[in-house]
Amino acid sequence: MRVTDRRFALLLMAPAALFLAAFVLWPLVRFVSNAFYDISPIAGGPRTPVGLQNFIDAFASASFQGASARTVVYTVVVVVLEFALGLAVALIFAALGRRSTVFRTIFMYPLMIAPVVAGLLWRFLLIDNFGIVNELLVRAGVLQSADQVGWLSDPAIALFAVALPDVWLTTSFITLVLFAGLQTIPGEILEAARIDGARFPTMLFRVILPLLRPVMAVALIVRGIDAARAFDIILIQTNGGPQESTTTLSLLIYRTMTRYGDIGLASAMGTIYLIGMLLVASVAVAAIWRPGEAR
């Protein structure tokens, strides 16, 4: 029996498809379906259909509303800082050419560090009273005492403080993606812009960034989703405190399921979370990538 190219391709994809169906699709279906039940936290306990009640309770929950707002703020802060820093460094690397090889290698080191390790490291750096950051600021004359700024204990700034390790950890990823995208821009286009007298700001916003739209869309969507589901790096630093000021949706869903044993409500929150991220990703693709746009 002769195997056509189409059948051969399907045979090659079958193991991966079965793996995804067993370990991704089926758990996702179960997770979403749990949102419509009141489930006993005891193994083998009853499952009582409640319709949309879990979704109503989720939207009415002040904890869910607060965690949603904090997740949005955290994601925006992390992604904006990472994109700005990553683009600046990628442009510097592109300008240096081959001379940036060593610097690129060093700059990628944070990608090799586990988020848990990064969270512990920055917790020691930012911890009150004897943190290295505050001690350096005192010696530089910026602060009068080491306990003047409570990076992880002040509810007003704790959310921004826990974002620092995430920015430090994954700016390298944005840089890597954008630098790769810069290599695909034809040099003739940039040279023509220079001959026409275009200055760097004009070239950046009128030539480089429009040509980088597909790459930017991928980088922003991947990092946006990753930042929105931040869990371990926040758990290690503050465990959601102080006063719930760093409790994001991931932490809230985790607590609702494990600490309070409300599987149905946690599943409803997670389902809303999933739909929200899909909608944001779709808008980002349409606004940044603009698929189907005439070139």
C-alpha atoms as a PDB file:
ATOM      1  CA  MET A   1       0.000   0.000   0.000  1.00  0.00           C
ATOM      2  CA  ARG A   2       1.478   3.311  -1.106  1.00  0.00           C
ATOM      3  CA  VAL A   3       1.498   6.049   1.519  1.00  0.00           C
ATOM      4  CA  THR A   4       0.832   9.490   0.120  1.00  0.00           C
ATOM      5  CA  ASP A   5       2.612  12.587   1.373  1.00  0.00           C
ATOM      6  CA  ARG A   6      -0.564  13.730   3.110  1.00  0.00           C
ATOM      7  CA  ARG A   7      -0.991  10.445   4.982  1.00  0.00           C
ATOM      8  CA  PHE A   8       2.694  10.366   5.848  1.00  0.00           C
ATOM      9  CA  ALA A   9       2.426  13.877   7.324  1.00  0.00           C
ATOM     10  CA  LEU A  10      -0.631  12.856   9.337  1.00  0.00           C
ATOM     11  CA  LEU A  11       1.224   9.808  10.655  1.00  0.00           C
ATOM     12  CA  LEU A  12       4.100  12.013  11.761  1.00  0.00           C
ATOM     13  CA  MET A  13       1.736  14.410  13.546  1.00  0.00           C
ATOM     14  CA  ALA A  14      -0.349  11.666  15.174  1.00  0.00           C
ATOM     15  CA  PRO A  15       1.881  11.087  18.264  1.00  0.00           C
ATOM     16  CA  ALA A  16       2.053  14.805  19.036  1.00  0.00           C
ATOM     17  CA  ALA A  17      -1.695  15.189  18.441  1.00  0.00           C
ATOM     18  CA  LEU A  18      -2.475  12.286  20.798  1.00  0.00           C
ATOM     19  CA  PHE A  19      -0.152  13.722  23.430  1.00  0.00           C
ATOM     20  CA  LEU A  20      -1.793  17.165  23.209  1.00  0.00           C
ATOM     21  CA  ALA A  21      -5.267  15.645  23.286  1.00  0.00           C
ATOM     22  CA  ALA A  22      -4.469  13.569  26.392  1.00  0.00           C
ATOM     23  CA  PHE A  23      -2.494  16.110  28.401  1.00  0.00           C
ATOM     24  CA  VAL A  24      -3.804  19.487  27.165  1.00  0.00           C
ATOM     25  CA  LEU A  25      -7.213  19.247  25.467  1.00  0.00           C
ATOM     26  CA  TRP A  26      -8.873  16.778  27.831  1.00  0.00           C
ATOM     27  CA  PRO A  27      -7.732  18.523  31.055  1.00  0.00           C
ATOM     28  CA  LEU A  28      -8.850  21.849  29.543  1.00  0.00           C
ATOM     29  CA  VAL A  29     -12.302  20.417  28.724  1.00  0.00           C
ATOM     30  CA  ARG A  30     -12.592  19.003  32.249  1.00  0.00           C
ATOM     31  CA  PHE A  31     -11.468  22.305  33.744  1.00  0.00           C
ATOM     32  CA  VAL A  32     -14.067  24.325  31.840  1.00  0.00           C
ATOM     33  CA  SER A  33     -16.831  21.803  32.550  1.00  0.00           C
ATOM     34  CA  ASN A  34     -16.082  21.957  36.293  1.00  0.00           C
ATOM     35  CA  ALA A  35     -17.103  25.614  36.246  1.00  0.00           C
ATOM     36  CA  PHE A  36     -20.752  24.551  35.893  1.00  0.00           C
ATOM     37  CA  TYR A  37     -20.752  22.314  38.998  1.00  0.00           C
ATOM     38  CA  ASP A  38     -20.555  22.602  42.748  1.00  0.00           C
ATOM     39  CA  ILE A  39     -17.851  20.019  43.410  1.00  0.00           C
ATOM     40  CA  SER A  40     -17.042  18.505  46.772  1.00  0.00           C
ATOM     41  CA  PRO A  41     -13.365  18.926  47.723  1.00  0.00           C
ATOM     42  CA  ILE A  42     -13.378  15.330  48.962  1.00  0.00           C
ATOM     43  CA  ALA A  43     -12.240  12.788  46.362  1.00  0.00           C
ATOM     44  CA  GLY A  44     -15.243  10.970  44.932  1.00  0.00           C
ATOM     45  CA  GLY A  45     -17.634  13.533  46.414  1.00  0.00           C
ATOM     46  CA  PRO A  46     -20.830  14.716  44.720  1.00  0.00           C
ATOM     47  CA  ARG A  47     -20.941  17.008  41.686  1.00  0.00           C
ATOM     48  CA  THR A  48     -24.041  19.198  41.703  1.00  0.00           C
ATOM     49  CA  PRO A  49     -24.929  21.165  38.545  1.00  0.00           C
ATOM     50  CA  VAL A  50     -25.307  24.881  39.318  1.00  0.00           C
ATOM     51  CA  GLY A  51     -25.435  26.381  35.825  1.00  0.00           C
ATOM     52  CA  LEU A  52     -23.813  29.821  35.637  1.00  0.00           C
ATOM     53  CA  GLN A  53     -23.854  30.445  39.403  1.00  0.00           C
ATOM     54  CA  ASN A  54     -20.072  30.038  39.734  1.00  0.00           C
ATOM     55  CA  PHE A  55     -19.534  32.661  37.037  1.00  0.00           C
ATOM     56  CA  ILE A  56     -21.974  35.031  38.752  1.00  0.00           C
ATOM     57  CA  ASP A  57     -20.185  34.519  42.084  1.00  0.00           C
ATOM     58  CA  ALA A  58     -16.815  35.129  40.420  1.00  0.00           C
ATOM     59  CA  PHE A  59     -17.858  38.426  38.840  1.00  0.00           C
ATOM     60  CA  ALA A  60     -19.495  39.534  42.100  1.00  0.00           C
ATOM     61  CA  SER A  61     -16.416  38.702  44.167  1.00  0.00           C
ATOM     62  CA  ALA A  62     -14.401  41.714  45.307  1.00  0.00           C
ATOM     63  CA  SER A  63     -11.315  39.492  45.474  1.00  0.00           C
ATOM     64  CA  PHE A  64     -11.749  38.505  41.828  1.00  0.00           C
ATOM     65  CA  GLN A  65     -12.259  42.107  40.737  1.00  0.00           C
ATOM     66  CA  GLY A  66      -9.198  43.285  42.650  1.00  0.00           C
ATOM     67  CA  ALA A  67      -7.030  40.425  41.403  1.00  0.00           C
ATOM     68  CA  SER A  68      -8.145  41.107  37.827  1.00  0.00           C
ATOM     69  CA  ALA A  69      -7.167  44.782  38.098  1.00  0.00           C
ATOM     70  CA  ARG A  70      -3.807  43.904  39.640  1.00  0.00           C
ATOM     71  CA  THR A  71      -3.156  41.325  36.923  1.00  0.00           C
ATOM     72  CA  VAL A  72      -3.800  43.908  34.211  1.00  0.00           C
ATOM     73  CA  VAL A  73      -1.542  46.474  35.905  1.00  0.00           C
ATOM     74  CA  TYR A  74       1.212  43.919  36.474  1.00  0.00           C
ATOM     75  CA  THR A  75       1.050  42.674  32.882  1.00  0.00           C
ATOM     76  CA  VAL A  76       1.086  46.181  31.379  1.00  0.00           C
ATOM     77  CA  VAL A  77       4.023  47.292  33.544  1.00  0.00           C
ATOM     78  CA  VAL A  78       6.077  44.177  32.794  1.00  0.00           C
ATOM     79  CA  VAL A  79       5.387  44.054  29.055  1.00  0.00           C
ATOM     80  CA  VAL A  80       5.900  47.802  28.475  1.00  0.00           C
ATOM     81  CA  LEU A  81       9.212  47.858  30.363  1.00  0.00           C
ATOM     82  CA  GLU A  82      10.437  44.682  28.716  1.00  0.00           C
ATOM     83  CA  PHE A  83       9.491  45.855  25.238  1.00  0.00           C
ATOM     84  CA  ALA A  84      11.096  49.283  25.669  1.00  0.00           C
ATOM     85  CA  LEU A  85      14.315  47.861  27.117  1.00  0.00           C
ATOM     86  CA  GLY A  86      14.358  44.915  24.720  1.00  0.00           C
ATOM     87  CA  LEU A  87      13.904  47.121  21.648  1.00  0.00           C
ATOM     88  CA  ALA A  88      16.631  49.522  22.784  1.00  0.00           C
ATOM     89  CA  VAL A  89      19.118  46.709  23.397  1.00  0.00           C
ATOM     90  CA  ALA A  90      18.166  44.935  20.143  1.00  0.00           C
ATOM     91  CA  LEU A  91      18.818  48.147  18.190  1.00  0.00           C
ATOM     92  CA  ILE A  92      22.196  48.533  19.898  1.00  0.00           C
ATOM     93  CA  PHE A  93      23.127  44.940  19.079  1.00  0.00           C
ATOM     94  CA  ALA A  94      22.033  45.414  15.451  1.00  0.00           C
ATOM     95  CA  ALA A  95      24.135  48.586  15.185  1.00  0.00           C
ATOM     96  CA  LEU A  96      27.190  46.822  16.625  1.00  0.00           C
ATOM     97  CA  GLY A  97      26.837  43.866  14.267  1.00  0.00           C
ATOM     98  CA  ARG A  98      29.272  41.032  14.914  1.00  0.00           C
ATOM     99  CA  ARG A  99      30.962  43.026  17.660  1.00  0.00           C
ATOM    100  CA  SER A 100      27.903  42.393  19.842  1.00  0.00           C
ATOM    101  CA  THR A 101      28.351  38.605  19.921  1.00  0.00           C
ATOM    102  CA  VAL A 102      29.879  38.486  23.408  1.00  0.00           C
ATOM    103  CA  PHE A 103      27.407  41.038  24.780  1.00  0.00           C
ATOM    104  CA  ARG A 104      24.470  39.083  23.338  1.00  0.00           C
ATOM    105  CA  THR A 105      25.693  35.921  25.031  1.00  0.00           C
ATOM    106  CA  ILE A 106      26.055  37.635  28.405  1.00  0.00           C
ATOM    107  CA  PHE A 107      22.692  39.386  28.045  1.00  0.00           C
ATOM    108  CA  MET A 108      20.929  36.037  27.527  1.00  0.00           C
ATOM    109  CA  TYR A 109      22.131  34.556  30.845  1.00  0.00           C
ATOM    110  CA  PRO A 110      18.978  35.535  32.834  1.00  0.00           C
ATOM    111  CA  LEU A 111      16.909  33.293  30.532  1.00  0.00           C
ATOM    112  CA  MET A 112      18.709  30.296  32.039  1.00  0.00           C
ATOM    113  CA  ILE A 113      17.597  31.141  35.585  1.00  0.00           C
ATOM    114  CA  ALA A 114      14.447  29.511  36.970  1.00  0.00           C
ATOM    115  CA  PRO A 115      11.697  31.946  38.061  1.00  0.00           C
ATOM    116  CA  VAL A 116      11.782  30.514  41.599  1.00  0.00           C
ATOM    117  CA  VAL A 117      15.503  31.248  41.861  1.00  0.00           C
ATOM    118  CA  ALA A 118      14.984  34.747  40.445  1.00  0.00           C
ATOM    119  CA  GLY A 119      12.198  35.373  42.965  1.00  0.00           C
ATOM    120  CA  LEU A 120      14.409  34.288  45.866  1.00  0.00           C
ATOM    121  CA  LEU A 121      17.309  36.378  44.597  1.00  0.00           C
ATOM    122  CA  TRP A 122      15.248  39.542  44.295  1.00  0.00           C
ATOM    123  CA  ARG A 123      13.553  38.894  47.626  1.00  0.00           C
ATOM    124  CA  PHE A 124      16.967  39.057  49.279  1.00  0.00           C
ATOM    125  CA  LEU A 125      17.829  42.154  47.258  1.00  0.00           C
ATOM    126  CA  LEU A 126      14.636  44.046  48.132  1.00  0.00           C
ATOM    127  CA  ILE A 127      13.861  42.781  51.620  1.00  0.00           C
ATOM    128  CA  ASP A 128      13.351  45.519  54.205  1.00  0.00           C
ATOM    129  CA  ASN A 129      15.993  46.721  56.658  1.00  0.00           C
ATOM    130  CA  PHE A 130      18.939  44.706  55.359  1.00  0.00           C
ATOM    131  CA  GLY A 131      18.246  44.334  51.627  1.00  0.00           C
ATOM    132  CA  ILE A 132      21.180  44.989  49.330  1.00  0.00           C
ATOM    133  CA  VAL A 133      19.237  47.530  47.221  1.00  0.00           C
ATOM    134  CA  ASN A 134      18.309  49.706  50.193  1.00  0.00           C
ATOM    135  CA  GLU A 135      21.817  49.408  51.630  1.00  0.00           C
ATOM    136  CA  LEU A 136      23.333  50.635  48.352  1.00  0.00           C
ATOM    137  CA  LEU A 137      20.832  53.500  48.205  1.00  0.00           C
ATOM    138  CA  VAL A 138      21.742  54.514  51.754  1.00  0.00           C
ATOM    139  CA  ARG A 139      25.451  54.502  50.939  1.00  0.00           C
ATOM    140  CA  ALA A 140      24.755  56.542  47.806  1.00  0.00           C
ATOM    141  CA  GLY A 141      22.889  59.096  49.894  1.00  0.00           C
ATOM    142  CA  VAL A 142      19.526  58.508  48.217  1.00  0.00           C
ATOM    143  CA  LEU A 143      17.923  57.095  51.388  1.00  0.00           C
ATOM    144  CA  GLN A 144      18.482  58.113  54.987  1.00  0.00           C
ATOM    145  CA  SER A 145      17.904  54.637  56.447  1.00  0.00           C
ATOM    146  CA  ALA A 146      17.647  51.091  55.090  1.00  0.00           C
ATOM    147  CA  ASP A 147      14.032  50.735  56.207  1.00  0.00           C
ATOM    148  CA  GLN A 148      12.850  53.964  54.568  1.00  0.00           C
ATOM    149  CA  VAL A 149      11.424  52.146  51.527  1.00  0.00           C
ATOM    150  CA  GLY A 150       9.618  48.837  52.044  1.00  0.00           C
ATOM    151  CA  TRP A 151       9.741  47.390  48.554  1.00  0.00           C
ATOM    152  CA  LEU A 152       7.912  44.184  49.446  1.00  0.00           C
ATOM    153  CA  SER A 153       6.017  45.370  52.547  1.00  0.00           C
ATOM    154  CA  ASP A 154       4.440  48.597  51.303  1.00  0.00           C
ATOM    155  CA  PRO A 155       1.099  47.832  49.598  1.00  0.00           C
ATOM    156  CA  ALA A 156       1.456  50.951  47.429  1.00  0.00           C
ATOM    157  CA  ILE A 157       4.610  49.752  45.649  1.00  0.00           C
ATOM    158  CA  ALA A 158       4.754  45.999  46.290  1.00  0.00           C
ATOM    159  CA  LEU A 159       3.105  45.102  42.970  1.00  0.00           C
ATOM    160  CA  PHE A 160       5.695  47.113  41.050  1.00  0.00           C
ATOM    161  CA  ALA A 161       8.526  45.674  43.156  1.00  0.00           C
ATOM    162  CA  VAL A 162       7.563  42.063  42.384  1.00  0.00           C
ATOM    163  CA  ALA A 163       7.502  43.004  38.688  1.00  0.00           C
ATOM    164  CA  LEU A 164      11.231  43.843  38.716  1.00  0.00           C
ATOM    165  CA  PRO A 165      12.425  40.202  38.743  1.00  0.00           C
ATOM    166  CA  ASP A 166      10.105  39.397  35.848  1.00  0.00           C
ATOM    167  CA  VAL A 167      11.475  42.330  33.832  1.00  0.00           C
ATOM    168  CA  TRP A 168      15.067  41.360  34.656  1.00  0.00           C
ATOM    169  CA  LEU A 169      14.419  37.713  33.865  1.00  0.00           C
ATOM    170  CA  THR A 170      12.702  37.930  30.486  1.00  0.00           C
ATOM    171  CA  THR A 171      13.801  41.174  28.851  1.00  0.00           C
ATOM    172  CA  SER A 172      16.386  38.949  27.171  1.00  0.00           C
ATOM    173  CA  PHE A 173      13.588  37.061  25.418  1.00  0.00           C
ATOM    174  CA  ILE A 174      12.115  40.238  23.928  1.00  0.00           C
ATOM    175  CA  THR A 175      15.608  41.343  22.894  1.00  0.00           C
ATOM    176  CA  LEU A 176      16.299  38.009  21.215  1.00  0.00           C
ATOM    177  CA  VAL A 177      13.027  38.029  19.269  1.00  0.00           C
ATOM    178  CA  LEU A 178      13.318  41.666  18.172  1.00  0.00           C
ATOM    179  CA  PHE A 179      16.988  41.280  17.247  1.00  0.00           C
ATOM    180  CA  ALA A 180      16.077  38.308  15.058  1.00  0.00           C
ATOM    181  CA  GLY A 181      13.339  40.407  13.449  1.00  0.00           C
ATOM    182  CA  LEU A 182      15.768  43.243  12.765  1.00  0.00           C
ATOM    183  CA  GLN A 183      17.980  40.854  10.817  1.00  0.00           C
ATOM    184  CA  THR A 184      15.127  40.206   8.370  1.00  0.00           C
ATOM    185  CA  ILE A 185      14.728  43.878   7.402  1.00  0.00           C
ATOM    186  CA  PRO A 186      16.383  44.406   4.005  1.00  0.00           C
ATOM    187  CA  GLY A 187      19.371  46.714   4.248  1.00  0.00           C
ATOM    188  CA  GLU A 188      18.364  48.380   0.978  1.00  0.00           C
ATOM    189  CA  ILE A 189      15.256  49.833   2.616  1.00  0.00           C
ATOM    190  CA  LEU A 190      17.230  51.331   5.501  1.00  0.00           C
ATOM    191  CA  GLU A 191      19.879  52.655   3.120  1.00  0.00           C
ATOM    192  CA  ALA A 192      17.236  54.256   0.920  1.00  0.00           C
ATOM    193  CA  ALA A 193      15.729  55.951   3.978  1.00  0.00           C
ATOM    194  CA  ARG A 194      19.156  57.312   4.950  1.00  0.00           C
ATOM    195  CA  ILE A 195      19.758  58.634   1.434  1.00  0.00           C
ATOM    196  CA  ASP A 196      16.369  60.385   1.568  1.00  0.00           C
ATOM    197  CA  GLY A 197      17.582  62.178   4.677  1.00  0.00           C
ATOM    198  CA  ALA A 198      15.473  60.339   7.233  1.00  0.00           C
ATOM    199  CA  ARG A 199      16.757  60.684  10.782  1.00  0.00           C
ATOM    200  CA  PHE A 200      16.773  57.849  13.288  1.00  0.00           C
ATOM    201  CA  PRO A 201      13.420  58.655  14.978  1.00  0.00           C
ATOM    202  CA  THR A 202      11.731  58.797  11.563  1.00  0.00           C
ATOM    203  CA  MET A 203      13.368  55.557  10.465  1.00  0.00           C
ATOM    204  CA  LEU A 204      12.361  53.866  13.730  1.00  0.00           C
ATOM    205  CA  PHE A 205       8.673  54.809  13.662  1.00  0.00           C
ATOM    206  CA  ARG A 206       8.100  54.943   9.890  1.00  0.00           C
ATOM    207  CA  VAL A 207      10.306  52.086   8.655  1.00  0.00           C
ATOM    208  CA  ILE A 208      11.655  49.727  11.310  1.00  0.00           C
ATOM    209  CA  LEU A 209       8.627  49.295  13.594  1.00  0.00           C
ATOM    210  CA  PRO A 210       6.080  48.856  10.745  1.00  0.00           C
ATOM    211  CA  LEU A 211       8.279  46.124   9.251  1.00  0.00           C
ATOM    212  CA  LEU A 212       8.577  44.482  12.675  1.00  0.00           C
ATOM    213  CA  ARG A 213       4.810  44.204  13.225  1.00  0.00           C
ATOM    214  CA  PRO A 214       4.590  40.393  12.916  1.00  0.00           C
ATOM    215  CA  VAL A 215       7.605  39.914  15.188  1.00  0.00           C
ATOM    216  CA  MET A 216       6.279  42.455  17.683  1.00  0.00           C
ATOM    217  CA  ALA A 217       2.903  40.732  17.725  1.00  0.00           C
ATOM    218  CA  VAL A 218       4.481  37.377  18.552  1.00  0.00           C
ATOM    219  CA  ALA A 219       6.756  38.849  21.237  1.00  0.00           C
ATOM    220  CA  LEU A 220       4.022  40.923  22.907  1.00  0.00           C
ATOM    221  CA  ILE A 221       1.409  38.150  22.853  1.00  0.00           C
ATOM    222  CA  VAL A 222       3.754  35.478  24.196  1.00  0.00           C
ATOM    223  CA  ARG A 223       5.149  37.724  26.910  1.00  0.00           C
ATOM    224  CA  GLY A 224       1.742  39.223  27.700  1.00  0.00           C
ATOM    225  CA  ILE A 225       0.209  35.803  28.324  1.00  0.00           C
ATOM    226  CA  ASP A 226       3.265  34.672  30.266  1.00  0.00           C
ATOM    227  CA  ALA A 227       3.261  37.804  32.438  1.00  0.00           C
ATOM    228  CA  ALA A 228      -0.501  37.600  33.038  1.00  0.00           C
ATOM    229  CA  ARG A 229      -0.152  34.105  34.471  1.00  0.00           C
ATOM    230  CA  ALA A 230       2.791  35.006  36.741  1.00  0.00           C
ATOM    231  CA  PHE A 231       2.622  32.792  39.789  1.00  0.00           C
ATOM    232  CA  ASP A 232       5.826  31.347  41.219  1.00  0.00           C
ATOM    233  CA  ILE A 233       7.882  34.529  41.031  1.00  0.00           C
ATOM    234  CA  ILE A 234       5.225  36.407  43.070  1.00  0.00           C
ATOM    235  CA  LEU A 235       4.517  33.508  45.427  1.00  0.00           C
ATOM    236  CA  ILE A 236       8.172  33.289  46.422  1.00  0.00           C
ATOM    237  CA  GLN A 237       8.541  37.030  47.072  1.00  0.00           C
ATOM    238  CA  THR A 238       5.342  38.034  48.864  1.00  0.00           C
ATOM    239  CA  ASN A 239       2.864  35.126  48.737  1.00  0.00           C
ATOM    240  CA  GLY A 240       0.278  37.625  47.531  1.00  0.00           C
ATOM    241  CA  GLY A 241       0.793  40.151  50.331  1.00  0.00           C
ATOM    242  CA  PRO A 242       0.965  42.592  51.903  1.00  0.00           C
ATOM    243  CA  GLN A 243      -2.782  43.093  52.290  1.00  0.00           C
ATOM    244  CA  GLU A 244      -3.404  41.153  49.057  1.00  0.00           C
ATOM    245  CA  SER A 245      -1.670  43.919  47.101  1.00  0.00           C
ATOM    246  CA  THR A 246       0.227  41.404  44.945  1.00  0.00           C
ATOM    247  CA  THR A 247      -2.484  38.757  44.648  1.00  0.00           C
ATOM    248  CA  THR A 248      -2.975  38.234  40.924  1.00  0.00           C
ATOM    249  CA  LEU A 249      -5.536  35.978  39.264  1.00  0.00           C
ATOM    250  CA  SER A 250      -3.186  32.998  39.188  1.00  0.00           C
ATOM    251  CA  LEU A 251      -2.638  33.217  42.939  1.00  0.00           C
ATOM    252  CA  LEU A 252      -6.341  33.775  43.622  1.00  0.00           C
ATOM    253  CA  ILE A 253      -7.384  30.765  41.533  1.00  0.00           C
ATOM    254  CA  TYR A 254      -4.731  28.628  43.224  1.00  0.00           C
ATOM    255  CA  ARG A 255      -5.913  29.639  46.693  1.00  0.00           C
ATOM    256  CA  THR A 256      -9.588  29.222  45.841  1.00  0.00           C
ATOM    257  CA  MET A 257      -8.959  25.656  44.700  1.00  0.00           C
ATOM    258  CA  THR A 258      -6.368  24.455  47.238  1.00  0.00           C
ATOM    259  CA  ARG A 259      -6.939  26.536  50.372  1.00  0.00           C
ATOM    260  CA  TYR A 260     -10.726  26.971  50.203  1.00  0.00           C
ATOM    261  CA  GLY A 261     -11.515  23.784  48.271  1.00  0.00           C
ATOM    262  CA  ASP A 262     -13.997  25.504  45.938  1.00  0.00           C
ATOM    263  CA  ILE A 263     -13.140  23.720  42.697  1.00  0.00           C
ATOM    264  CA  GLY A 264     -16.180  24.976  40.786  1.00  0.00           C
ATOM    265  CA  LEU A 265     -15.569  28.647  41.593  1.00  0.00           C
ATOM    266  CA  ALA A 266     -11.840  28.309  40.824  1.00  0.00           C
ATOM    267  CA  SER A 267     -12.683  26.700  37.470  1.00  0.00           C
ATOM    268  CA  ALA A 268     -15.101  29.525  36.663  1.00  0.00           C
ATOM    269  CA  MET A 269     -12.425  32.122  37.471  1.00  0.00           C
ATOM    270  CA  GLY A 270      -9.923  30.234  35.342  1.00  0.00           C
ATOM    271  CA  THR A 271     -12.362  29.992  32.439  1.00  0.00           C
ATOM    272  CA  ILE A 272     -13.019  33.740  32.532  1.00  0.00           C
ATOM    273  CA  TYR A 273      -9.266  34.253  32.726  1.00  0.00           C
ATOM    274  CA  LEU A 274      -8.711  32.036  29.673  1.00  0.00           C
ATOM    275  CA  ILE A 275     -11.393  33.766  27.596  1.00  0.00           C
ATOM    276  CA  GLY A 276      -9.993  37.179  28.549  1.00  0.00           C
ATOM    277  CA  MET A 277      -6.482  36.251  27.428  1.00  0.00           C
ATOM    278  CA  LEU A 278      -7.813  34.847  24.135  1.00  0.00           C
ATOM    279  CA  LEU A 279      -9.696  38.086  23.461  1.00  0.00           C
ATOM    280  CA  VAL A 280      -6.652  40.226  24.276  1.00  0.00           C
ATOM    281  CA  ALA A 281      -4.438  38.064  22.061  1.00  0.00           C
ATOM    282  CA  SER A 282      -6.921  38.357  19.183  1.00  0.00           C
ATOM    283  CA  VAL A 283      -7.062  42.142  19.522  1.00  0.00           C
ATOM    284  CA  ALA A 284      -3.251  42.301  19.643  1.00  0.00           C
ATOM    285  CA  VAL A 285      -2.935  40.265  16.463  1.00  0.00           C
ATOM    286  CA  ALA A 286      -5.472  42.444  14.657  1.00  0.00           C
ATOM    287  CA  ALA A 287      -3.997  45.733  15.919  1.00  0.00           C
ATOM    288  CA  ILE A 288      -0.260  45.011  15.662  1.00  0.00           C
ATOM    289  CA  TRP A 289       0.209  42.279  13.100  1.00  0.00           C
ATOM    290  CA  ARG A 290      -2.760  43.304  10.953  1.00  0.00           C
ATOM    291  CA  PRO A 291      -3.002  40.030   9.029  1.00  0.00           C
ATOM    292  CA  GLY A 292      -4.258  40.383   5.484  1.00  0.00           C
ATOM    293  CA  GLU A 293      -3.236  44.024   5.253  1.00  0.00           C
ATOM    294  CA  ALA A 294      -2.147  45.082   1.807  1.00  0.00           C
ATOM    295  CA  ARG A 295       1.565  45.659   1.557  1.00  0.00           C
END
